[in-house]
Amino acid sequence: MSLLGERVNSSGVIEYVKLPRIYDTDKPFDEDIEQFIENLSSKLLLQIERVEKNESIPKEIMNEINTHSWGGVVESINNSIIQ
């Protein structure tokens, strides 16, 4: 969230889902899994509805998101190697 910044986070384009509590570095607590799945499903359905309604994402917001995507990170690394 902090990486994307306030502008992207407040745009309504990205939906965050609270992660389940974790123990032993990578294991979720069993009692948190059901709620996590429900929350994730809800946010995915919301995003699907936005696509079905052809809601657009402002170009400047999409550019900021792309900068931090895996593709953007790879492009940045490639650019630094080439220069």
PDB file of N, CA and C in Angstrom:
ATOM      1  N   MET A   1       0.827  -1.192   0.000  1.00  0.00           N
ATOM      2  CA  MET A   1       0.000   0.000   0.000  1.00  0.00           C
ATOM      3  C   MET A   1       0.867   1.249   0.000  1.00  0.00           C
ATOM      4  N   SER A   2       1.908   1.231   0.798  1.00  0.00           N
ATOM      5  CA  SER A   2       2.765   2.410   0.854  1.00  0.00           C
ATOM      6  C   SER A   2       3.550   2.576  -0.441  1.00  0.00           C
ATOM      7  N   LEU A   3       3.867   1.488  -1.099  1.00  0.00           N
ATOM      8  CA  LEU A   3       4.605   1.547  -2.351  1.00  0.00           C
ATOM      9  C   LEU A   3       3.796   2.260  -3.436  1.00  0.00           C
ATOM     10  N   LEU A   4       2.511   1.965  -3.528  1.00  0.00           N
ATOM     11  CA  LEU A   4       1.678   2.586  -4.551  1.00  0.00           C
ATOM     12  C   LEU A   4       1.332   4.033  -4.237  1.00  0.00           C
ATOM     13  N   GLY A   5       1.303   4.382  -2.979  1.00  0.00           N
ATOM     14  CA  GLY A   5       1.059   5.767  -2.603  1.00  0.00           C
ATOM     15  C   GLY A   5      -0.408   6.136  -2.484  1.00  0.00           C
ATOM     16  N   GLU A   6      -0.645   7.273  -1.893  1.00  0.00           N
ATOM     17  CA  GLU A   6      -1.996   7.740  -1.584  1.00  0.00           C
ATOM     18  C   GLU A   6      -2.844   7.953  -2.836  1.00  0.00           C
ATOM     19  N   ARG A   7      -2.238   8.477  -3.883  1.00  0.00           N
ATOM     20  CA  ARG A   7      -2.999   8.764  -5.107  1.00  0.00           C
ATOM     21  C   ARG A   7      -3.649   7.499  -5.675  1.00  0.00           C
ATOM     22  N   VAL A   8      -2.880   6.430  -5.795  1.00  0.00           N
ATOM     23  CA  VAL A   8      -3.422   5.167  -6.313  1.00  0.00           C
ATOM     24  C   VAL A   8      -4.368   4.552  -5.295  1.00  0.00           C
ATOM     25  N   ASN A   9      -3.975   4.544  -4.032  1.00  0.00           N
ATOM     26  CA  ASN A   9      -4.794   3.911  -2.999  1.00  0.00           C
ATOM     27  C   ASN A   9      -6.155   4.581  -2.839  1.00  0.00           C
ATOM     28  N   SER A  10      -6.228   5.870  -3.042  1.00  0.00           N
ATOM     29  CA  SER A  10      -7.499   6.571  -2.877  1.00  0.00           C
ATOM     30  C   SER A  10      -8.290   6.665  -4.177  1.00  0.00           C
ATOM     31  N   SER A  11      -7.760   6.108  -5.259  1.00  0.00           N
ATOM     32  CA  SER A  11      -8.429   6.192  -6.563  1.00  0.00           C
ATOM     33  C   SER A  11      -9.635   5.263  -6.673  1.00  0.00           C
ATOM     34  N   GLY A  12      -9.721   4.254  -5.820  1.00  0.00           N
ATOM     35  CA  GLY A  12     -10.809   3.282  -5.907  1.00  0.00           C
ATOM     36  C   GLY A  12     -10.566   2.191  -6.930  1.00  0.00           C
ATOM     37  N   VAL A  13      -9.390   2.191  -7.533  1.00  0.00           N
ATOM     38  CA  VAL A  13      -9.048   1.213  -8.566  1.00  0.00           C
ATOM     39  C   VAL A  13      -8.565  -0.092  -7.955  1.00  0.00           C
ATOM     40  N   ILE A  14      -7.833   0.005  -6.862  1.00  0.00           N
ATOM     41  CA  ILE A  14      -7.236  -1.168  -6.222  1.00  0.00           C
ATOM     42  C   ILE A  14      -8.051  -1.519  -4.976  1.00  0.00           C
ATOM     43  N   GLU A  15      -8.301  -2.802  -4.818  1.00  0.00           N
ATOM     44  CA  GLU A  15      -8.983  -3.297  -3.618  1.00  0.00           C
ATOM     45  C   GLU A  15      -7.997  -4.144  -2.829  1.00  0.00           C
ATOM     46  N   TYR A  16      -7.873  -3.860  -1.576  1.00  0.00           N
ATOM     47  CA  TYR A  16      -6.979  -4.633  -0.719  1.00  0.00           C
ATOM     48  C   TYR A  16      -7.784  -5.612   0.123  1.00  0.00           C
ATOM     49  N   VAL A  17      -7.187  -6.754   0.387  1.00  0.00           N
ATOM     50  CA  VAL A  17      -7.814  -7.787   1.208  1.00  0.00           C
ATOM     51  C   VAL A  17      -6.891  -8.044   2.388  1.00  0.00           C
ATOM     52  N   LYS A  18      -7.466  -7.969   3.580  1.00  0.00           N
ATOM     53  CA  LYS A  18      -6.673  -8.232   4.776  1.00  0.00           C
ATOM     54  C   LYS A  18      -6.227  -9.693   4.768  1.00  0.00           C
ATOM     55  N   LEU A  19      -4.943  -9.886   4.937  1.00  0.00           N
ATOM     56  CA  LEU A  19      -4.387 -11.234   4.947  1.00  0.00           C
ATOM     57  C   LEU A  19      -4.673 -11.930   6.273  1.00  0.00           C
ATOM     58  N   PRO A  20      -4.732 -13.264   6.259  1.00  0.00           N
ATOM     59  CA  PRO A  20      -4.899 -13.989   7.522  1.00  0.00           C
ATOM     60  C   PRO A  20      -3.643 -13.844   8.379  1.00  0.00           C
ATOM     61  N   ARG A  21      -3.822 -14.011   9.653  1.00  0.00           N
ATOM     62  CA  ARG A  21      -2.652 -14.004  10.539  1.00  0.00           C
ATOM     63  C   ARG A  21      -1.748 -15.175  10.159  1.00  0.00           C
ATOM     64  N   ILE A  22      -0.456 -14.994  10.361  1.00  0.00           N
ATOM     65  CA  ILE A  22       0.536 -15.987   9.944  1.00  0.00           C
ATOM     66  C   ILE A  22       1.375 -16.427  11.150  1.00  0.00           C
ATOM     67  N   TYR A  23       1.729 -17.703  11.165  1.00  0.00           N
ATOM     68  CA  TYR A  23       2.698 -18.197  12.153  1.00  0.00           C
ATOM     69  C   TYR A  23       3.755 -19.005  11.394  1.00  0.00           C
ATOM     70  N   ASP A  24       4.876 -19.238  12.010  1.00  0.00           N
ATOM     71  CA  ASP A  24       5.993 -19.968  11.383  1.00  0.00           C
ATOM     72  C   ASP A  24       6.335 -19.423   9.996  1.00  0.00           C
ATOM     73  N   THR A  25       6.330 -18.140   9.853  1.00  0.00           N
ATOM     74  CA  THR A  25       6.728 -17.422   8.640  1.00  0.00           C
ATOM     75  C   THR A  25       5.721 -17.481   7.498  1.00  0.00           C
ATOM     76  N   ASP A  26       5.068 -18.643   7.263  1.00  0.00           N
ATOM     77  CA  ASP A  26       4.244 -18.756   6.060  1.00  0.00           C
ATOM     78  C   ASP A  26       2.966 -19.573   6.223  1.00  0.00           C
ATOM     79  N   LYS A  27       2.539 -19.823   7.446  1.00  0.00           N
ATOM     80  CA  LYS A  27       1.354 -20.651   7.661  1.00  0.00           C
ATOM     81  C   LYS A  27       0.223 -19.795   8.226  1.00  0.00           C
ATOM     82  N   PRO A  28      -0.938 -19.792   7.534  1.00  0.00           N
ATOM     83  CA  PRO A  28      -2.072 -19.026   8.067  1.00  0.00           C
ATOM     84  C   PRO A  28      -2.772 -19.792   9.193  1.00  0.00           C
ATOM     85  N   PHE A  29      -3.315 -19.041  10.138  1.00  0.00           N
ATOM     86  CA  PHE A  29      -4.128 -19.669  11.181  1.00  0.00           C
ATOM     87  C   PHE A  29      -5.399 -20.213  10.531  1.00  0.00           C
ATOM     88  N   ASP A  30      -5.730 -21.459  10.843  1.00  0.00           N
ATOM     89  CA  ASP A  30      -6.895 -22.110  10.245  1.00  0.00           C
ATOM     90  C   ASP A  30      -8.170 -21.289  10.434  1.00  0.00           C
ATOM     91  N   GLU A  31      -8.328 -20.693  11.585  1.00  0.00           N
ATOM     92  CA  GLU A  31      -9.567 -19.961  11.867  1.00  0.00           C
ATOM     93  C   GLU A  31      -9.695 -18.666  11.060  1.00  0.00           C
ATOM     94  N   ASP A  32      -8.641 -18.233  10.403  1.00  0.00           N
ATOM     95  CA  ASP A  32      -8.683 -17.008   9.588  1.00  0.00           C
ATOM     96  C   ASP A  32      -8.923 -17.288   8.110  1.00  0.00           C
ATOM     97  N   ILE A  33      -8.780 -18.525   7.693  1.00  0.00           N
ATOM     98  CA  ILE A  33      -8.817 -18.850   6.261  1.00  0.00           C
ATOM     99  C   ILE A  33     -10.195 -18.605   5.651  1.00  0.00           C
ATOM    100  N   GLU A  34     -11.258 -19.037   6.308  1.00  0.00           N
ATOM    101  CA  GLU A  34     -12.603 -18.878   5.750  1.00  0.00           C
ATOM    102  C   GLU A  34     -12.933 -17.406   5.504  1.00  0.00           C
ATOM    103  N   GLN A  35     -12.638 -16.555   6.483  1.00  0.00           N
ATOM    104  CA  GLN A  35     -12.912 -15.124   6.331  1.00  0.00           C
ATOM    105  C   GLN A  35     -12.059 -14.520   5.214  1.00  0.00           C
ATOM    106  N   PHE A  36     -10.807 -14.950   5.117  1.00  0.00           N
ATOM    107  CA  PHE A  36      -9.938 -14.469   4.050  1.00  0.00           C
ATOM    108  C   PHE A  36     -10.511 -14.832   2.684  1.00  0.00           C
ATOM    109  N   ILE A  37     -10.960 -16.059   2.524  1.00  0.00           N
ATOM    110  CA  ILE A  37     -11.532 -16.502   1.241  1.00  0.00           C
ATOM    111  C   ILE A  37     -12.785 -15.695   0.914  1.00  0.00           C
ATOM    112  N   GLU A  38     -13.629 -15.460   1.898  1.00  0.00           N
ATOM    113  CA  GLU A  38     -14.842 -14.653   1.687  1.00  0.00           C
ATOM    114  C   GLU A  38     -14.480 -13.231   1.264  1.00  0.00           C
ATOM    115  N   ASN A  39     -13.524 -12.634   1.951  1.00  0.00           N
ATOM    116  CA  ASN A  39     -13.111 -11.264   1.624  1.00  0.00           C
ATOM    117  C   ASN A  39     -12.492 -11.192   0.234  1.00  0.00           C
ATOM    118  N   LEU A  40     -11.643 -12.160  -0.090  1.00  0.00           N
ATOM    119  CA  LEU A  40     -11.003 -12.200  -1.399  1.00  0.00           C
ATOM    120  C   LEU A  40     -12.056 -12.375  -2.492  1.00  0.00           C
ATOM    121  N   SER A  41     -12.980 -13.280  -2.289  1.00  0.00           N
ATOM    122  CA  SER A  41     -14.052 -13.515  -3.266  1.00  0.00           C
ATOM    123  C   SER A  41     -14.863 -12.247  -3.497  1.00  0.00           C
ATOM    124  N   SER A  42     -15.184 -11.563  -2.437  1.00  0.00           N
ATOM    125  CA  SER A  42     -15.967 -10.328  -2.528  1.00  0.00           C
ATOM    126  C   SER A  42     -15.248  -9.269  -3.353  1.00  0.00           C
ATOM    127  N   LYS A  43     -13.962  -9.092  -3.105  1.00  0.00           N
ATOM    128  CA  LYS A  43     -13.179  -8.090  -3.833  1.00  0.00           C
ATOM    129  C   LYS A  43     -12.987  -8.485  -5.294  1.00  0.00           C
ATOM    130  N   LEU A  44     -12.815  -9.783  -5.558  1.00  0.00           N
ATOM    131  CA  LEU A  44     -12.698 -10.247  -6.943  1.00  0.00           C
ATOM    132  C   LEU A  44     -13.992 -10.011  -7.709  1.00  0.00           C
ATOM    133  N   LEU A  45     -15.119 -10.302  -7.079  1.00  0.00           N
ATOM    134  CA  LEU A  45     -16.409 -10.058  -7.724  1.00  0.00           C
ATOM    135  C   LEU A  45     -16.608  -8.568  -8.009  1.00  0.00           C
ATOM    136  N   LEU A  46     -16.184  -7.729  -7.091  1.00  0.00           N
ATOM    137  CA  LEU A  46     -16.272  -6.285  -7.293  1.00  0.00           C
ATOM    138  C   LEU A  46     -15.462  -5.864  -8.518  1.00  0.00           C
ATOM    139  N   GLN A  47     -14.258  -6.387  -8.646  1.00  0.00           N
ATOM    140  CA  GLN A  47     -13.417  -6.047  -9.797  1.00  0.00           C
ATOM    141  C   GLN A  47     -14.014  -6.598 -11.097  1.00  0.00           C
ATOM    142  N   ILE A  48     -14.589  -7.782 -11.055  1.00  0.00           N
ATOM    143  CA  ILE A  48     -15.240  -8.358 -12.241  1.00  0.00           C
ATOM    144  C   ILE A  48     -16.403  -7.474 -12.667  1.00  0.00           C
ATOM    145  N   GLU A  49     -17.197  -6.999 -11.709  1.00  0.00           N
ATOM    146  CA  GLU A  49     -18.315  -6.097 -12.019  1.00  0.00           C
ATOM    147  C   GLU A  49     -17.811  -4.818 -12.679  1.00  0.00           C
ATOM    148  N   ARG A  50     -16.701  -4.301 -12.212  1.00  0.00           N
ATOM    149  CA  ARG A  50     -16.139  -3.091 -12.813  1.00  0.00           C
ATOM    150  C   ARG A  50     -15.743  -3.324 -14.261  1.00  0.00           C
ATOM    151  N   VAL A  51     -15.162  -4.482 -14.536  1.00  0.00           N
ATOM    152  CA  VAL A  51     -14.785  -4.816 -15.916  1.00  0.00           C
ATOM    153  C   VAL A  51     -16.038  -4.963 -16.773  1.00  0.00           C
ATOM    154  N   GLU A  52     -17.048  -5.661 -16.252  1.00  0.00           N
ATOM    155  CA  GLU A  52     -18.294  -5.854 -17.000  1.00  0.00           C
ATOM    156  C   GLU A  52     -18.983  -4.529 -17.312  1.00  0.00           C
ATOM    157  N   LYS A  53     -18.834  -3.555 -16.430  1.00  0.00           N
ATOM    158  CA  LYS A  53     -19.425  -2.229 -16.639  1.00  0.00           C
ATOM    159  C   LYS A  53     -18.521  -1.321 -17.480  1.00  0.00           C
ATOM    160  N   ASN A  54     -17.392  -1.880 -17.922  1.00  0.00           N
ATOM    161  CA  ASN A  54     -16.420  -1.121 -18.709  1.00  0.00           C
ATOM    162  C   ASN A  54     -15.927   0.141 -17.996  1.00  0.00           C
ATOM    163  N   GLU A  55     -15.788   0.053 -16.694  1.00  0.00           N
ATOM    164  CA  GLU A  55     -15.249   1.192 -15.945  1.00  0.00           C
ATOM    165  C   GLU A  55     -13.800   1.400 -16.355  1.00  0.00           C
ATOM    166  N   SER A  56     -13.456   2.624 -16.624  1.00  0.00           N
ATOM    167  CA  SER A  56     -12.093   2.903 -17.068  1.00  0.00           C
ATOM    168  C   SER A  56     -11.214   3.322 -15.884  1.00  0.00           C
ATOM    169  N   ILE A  57      -9.937   3.127 -16.072  1.00  0.00           N
ATOM    170  CA  ILE A  57      -8.943   3.539 -15.084  1.00  0.00           C
ATOM    171  C   ILE A  57      -8.218   4.737 -15.669  1.00  0.00           C
ATOM    172  N   PRO A  58      -8.178   5.856 -14.937  1.00  0.00           N
ATOM    173  CA  PRO A  58      -7.468   7.028 -15.460  1.00  0.00           C
ATOM    174  C   PRO A  58      -6.035   6.667 -15.860  1.00  0.00           C
ATOM    175  N   LYS A  59      -5.597   7.208 -17.004  1.00  0.00           N
ATOM    176  CA  LYS A  59      -4.291   6.861 -17.555  1.00  0.00           C
ATOM    177  C   LYS A  59      -3.156   7.107 -16.563  1.00  0.00           C
ATOM    178  N   GLU A  60      -3.188   8.212 -15.834  1.00  0.00           N
ATOM    179  CA  GLU A  60      -2.105   8.514 -14.902  1.00  0.00           C
ATOM    180  C   GLU A  60      -2.069   7.527 -13.734  1.00  0.00           C
ATOM    181  N   ILE A  61      -3.232   7.039 -13.310  1.00  0.00           N
ATOM    182  CA  ILE A  61      -3.284   6.026 -12.244  1.00  0.00           C
ATOM    183  C   ILE A  61      -2.730   4.702 -12.786  1.00  0.00           C
ATOM    184  N   MET A  62      -3.129   4.333 -14.002  1.00  0.00           N
ATOM    185  CA  MET A  62      -2.650   3.091 -14.601  1.00  0.00           C
ATOM    186  C   MET A  62      -1.145   3.138 -14.797  1.00  0.00           C
ATOM    187  N   ASN A  63      -0.603   4.284 -15.187  1.00  0.00           N
ATOM    188  CA  ASN A  63       0.847   4.423 -15.344  1.00  0.00           C
ATOM    189  C   ASN A  63       1.569   4.206 -14.017  1.00  0.00           C
ATOM    190  N   GLU A  64       1.009   4.753 -12.937  1.00  0.00           N
ATOM    191  CA  GLU A  64       1.629   4.565 -11.620  1.00  0.00           C
ATOM    192  C   GLU A  64       1.573   3.105 -11.195  1.00  0.00           C
ATOM    193  N   ILE A  65       0.464   2.452 -11.451  1.00  0.00           N
ATOM    194  CA  ILE A  65       0.328   1.033 -11.107  1.00  0.00           C
ATOM    195  C   ILE A  65       1.321   0.206 -11.924  1.00  0.00           C
ATOM    196  N   ASN A  66       1.397   0.458 -13.224  1.00  0.00           N
ATOM    197  CA  ASN A  66       2.300  -0.294 -14.102  1.00  0.00           C
ATOM    198  C   ASN A  66       3.754  -0.133 -13.699  1.00  0.00           C
ATOM    199  N   THR A  67       4.114   1.020 -13.180  1.00  0.00           N
ATOM    200  CA  THR A  67       5.487   1.249 -12.740  1.00  0.00           C
ATOM    201  C   THR A  67       5.896   0.244 -11.668  1.00  0.00           C
ATOM    202  N   HIS A  68       4.943  -0.170 -10.836  1.00  0.00           N
ATOM    203  CA  HIS A  68       5.233  -1.075  -9.730  1.00  0.00           C
ATOM    204  C   HIS A  68       4.834  -2.519 -10.017  1.00  0.00           C
ATOM    205  N   SER A  69       4.345  -2.793 -11.227  1.00  0.00           N
ATOM    206  CA  SER A  69       3.996  -4.167 -11.582  1.00  0.00           C
ATOM    207  C   SER A  69       5.273  -4.938 -11.888  1.00  0.00           C
ATOM    208  N   TRP A  70       5.156  -6.261 -12.008  1.00  0.00           N
ATOM    209  CA  TRP A  70       6.342  -7.057 -12.330  1.00  0.00           C
ATOM    210  C   TRP A  70       6.923  -6.618 -13.668  1.00  0.00           C
ATOM    211  N   GLY A  71       6.055  -6.331 -14.632  1.00  0.00           N
ATOM    212  CA  GLY A  71       6.533  -5.858 -15.925  1.00  0.00           C
ATOM    213  C   GLY A  71       7.289  -4.553 -15.817  1.00  0.00           C
ATOM    214  N   GLY A  72       6.781  -3.650 -14.980  1.00  0.00           N
ATOM    215  CA  GLY A  72       7.452  -2.374 -14.765  1.00  0.00           C
ATOM    216  C   GLY A  72       8.790  -2.527 -14.070  1.00  0.00           C
ATOM    217  N   VAL A  73       8.848  -3.441 -13.125  1.00  0.00           N
ATOM    218  CA  VAL A  73      10.106  -3.695 -12.408  1.00  0.00           C
ATOM    219  C   VAL A  73      11.146  -4.271 -13.373  1.00  0.00           C
ATOM    220  N   VAL A  74      10.725  -5.235 -14.200  1.00  0.00           N
ATOM    221  CA  VAL A  74      11.646  -5.835 -15.171  1.00  0.00           C
ATOM    222  C   VAL A  74      12.124  -4.778 -16.169  1.00  0.00           C
ATOM    223  N   GLU A  75      11.217  -3.937 -16.623  1.00  0.00           N
ATOM    224  CA  GLU A  75      11.600  -2.873 -17.557  1.00  0.00           C
ATOM    225  C   GLU A  75      12.615  -1.930 -16.918  1.00  0.00           C
ATOM    226  N   SER A  76      12.397  -1.581 -15.663  1.00  0.00           N
ATOM    227  CA  SER A  76      13.320  -0.714 -14.952  1.00  0.00           C
ATOM    228  C   SER A  76      14.704  -1.350 -14.842  1.00  0.00           C
ATOM    229  N   ILE A  77      14.741  -2.644 -14.522  1.00  0.00           N
ATOM    230  CA  ILE A  77      16.025  -3.360 -14.416  1.00  0.00           C
ATOM    231  C   ILE A  77      16.706  -3.400 -15.782  1.00  0.00           C
ATOM    232  N   ASN A  78      15.938  -3.725 -16.818  1.00  0.00           N
ATOM    233  CA  ASN A  78      16.510  -3.763 -18.161  1.00  0.00           C
ATOM    234  C   ASN A  78      17.089  -2.399 -18.563  1.00  0.00           C
ATOM    235  N   ASN A  79      16.347  -1.346 -18.263  1.00  0.00           N
ATOM    236  CA  ASN A  79      16.810  -0.003 -18.593  1.00  0.00           C
ATOM    237  C   ASN A  79      18.107   0.340 -17.861  1.00  0.00           C
ATOM    238  N   SER A  80      18.218  -0.093 -16.610  1.00  0.00           N
ATOM    239  CA  SER A  80      19.439   0.223 -15.858  1.00  0.00           C
ATOM    240  C   SER A  80      20.626  -0.596 -16.363  1.00  0.00           C
ATOM    241  N   ILE A  81      20.377  -1.787 -16.869  1.00  0.00           N
ATOM    242  CA  ILE A  81      21.457  -2.621 -17.409  1.00  0.00           C
ATOM    243  C   ILE A  81      21.927  -2.062 -18.754  1.00  0.00           C
ATOM    244  N   ILE A  82      20.978  -1.647 -19.576  1.00  0.00           N
ATOM    245  CA  ILE A  82      21.310  -1.147 -20.908  1.00  0.00           C
ATOM    246  C   ILE A  82      22.087   0.167 -20.837  1.00  0.00           C
ATOM    247  N   GLN A  83      21.766   0.986 -19.873  1.00  0.00           N
ATOM    248  CA  GLN A  83      22.435   2.294 -19.771  1.00  0.00           C
ATOM    249  C   GLN A  83      23.768   2.115 -19.209  1.00  0.00           C
TER     250      GLN A  83
END
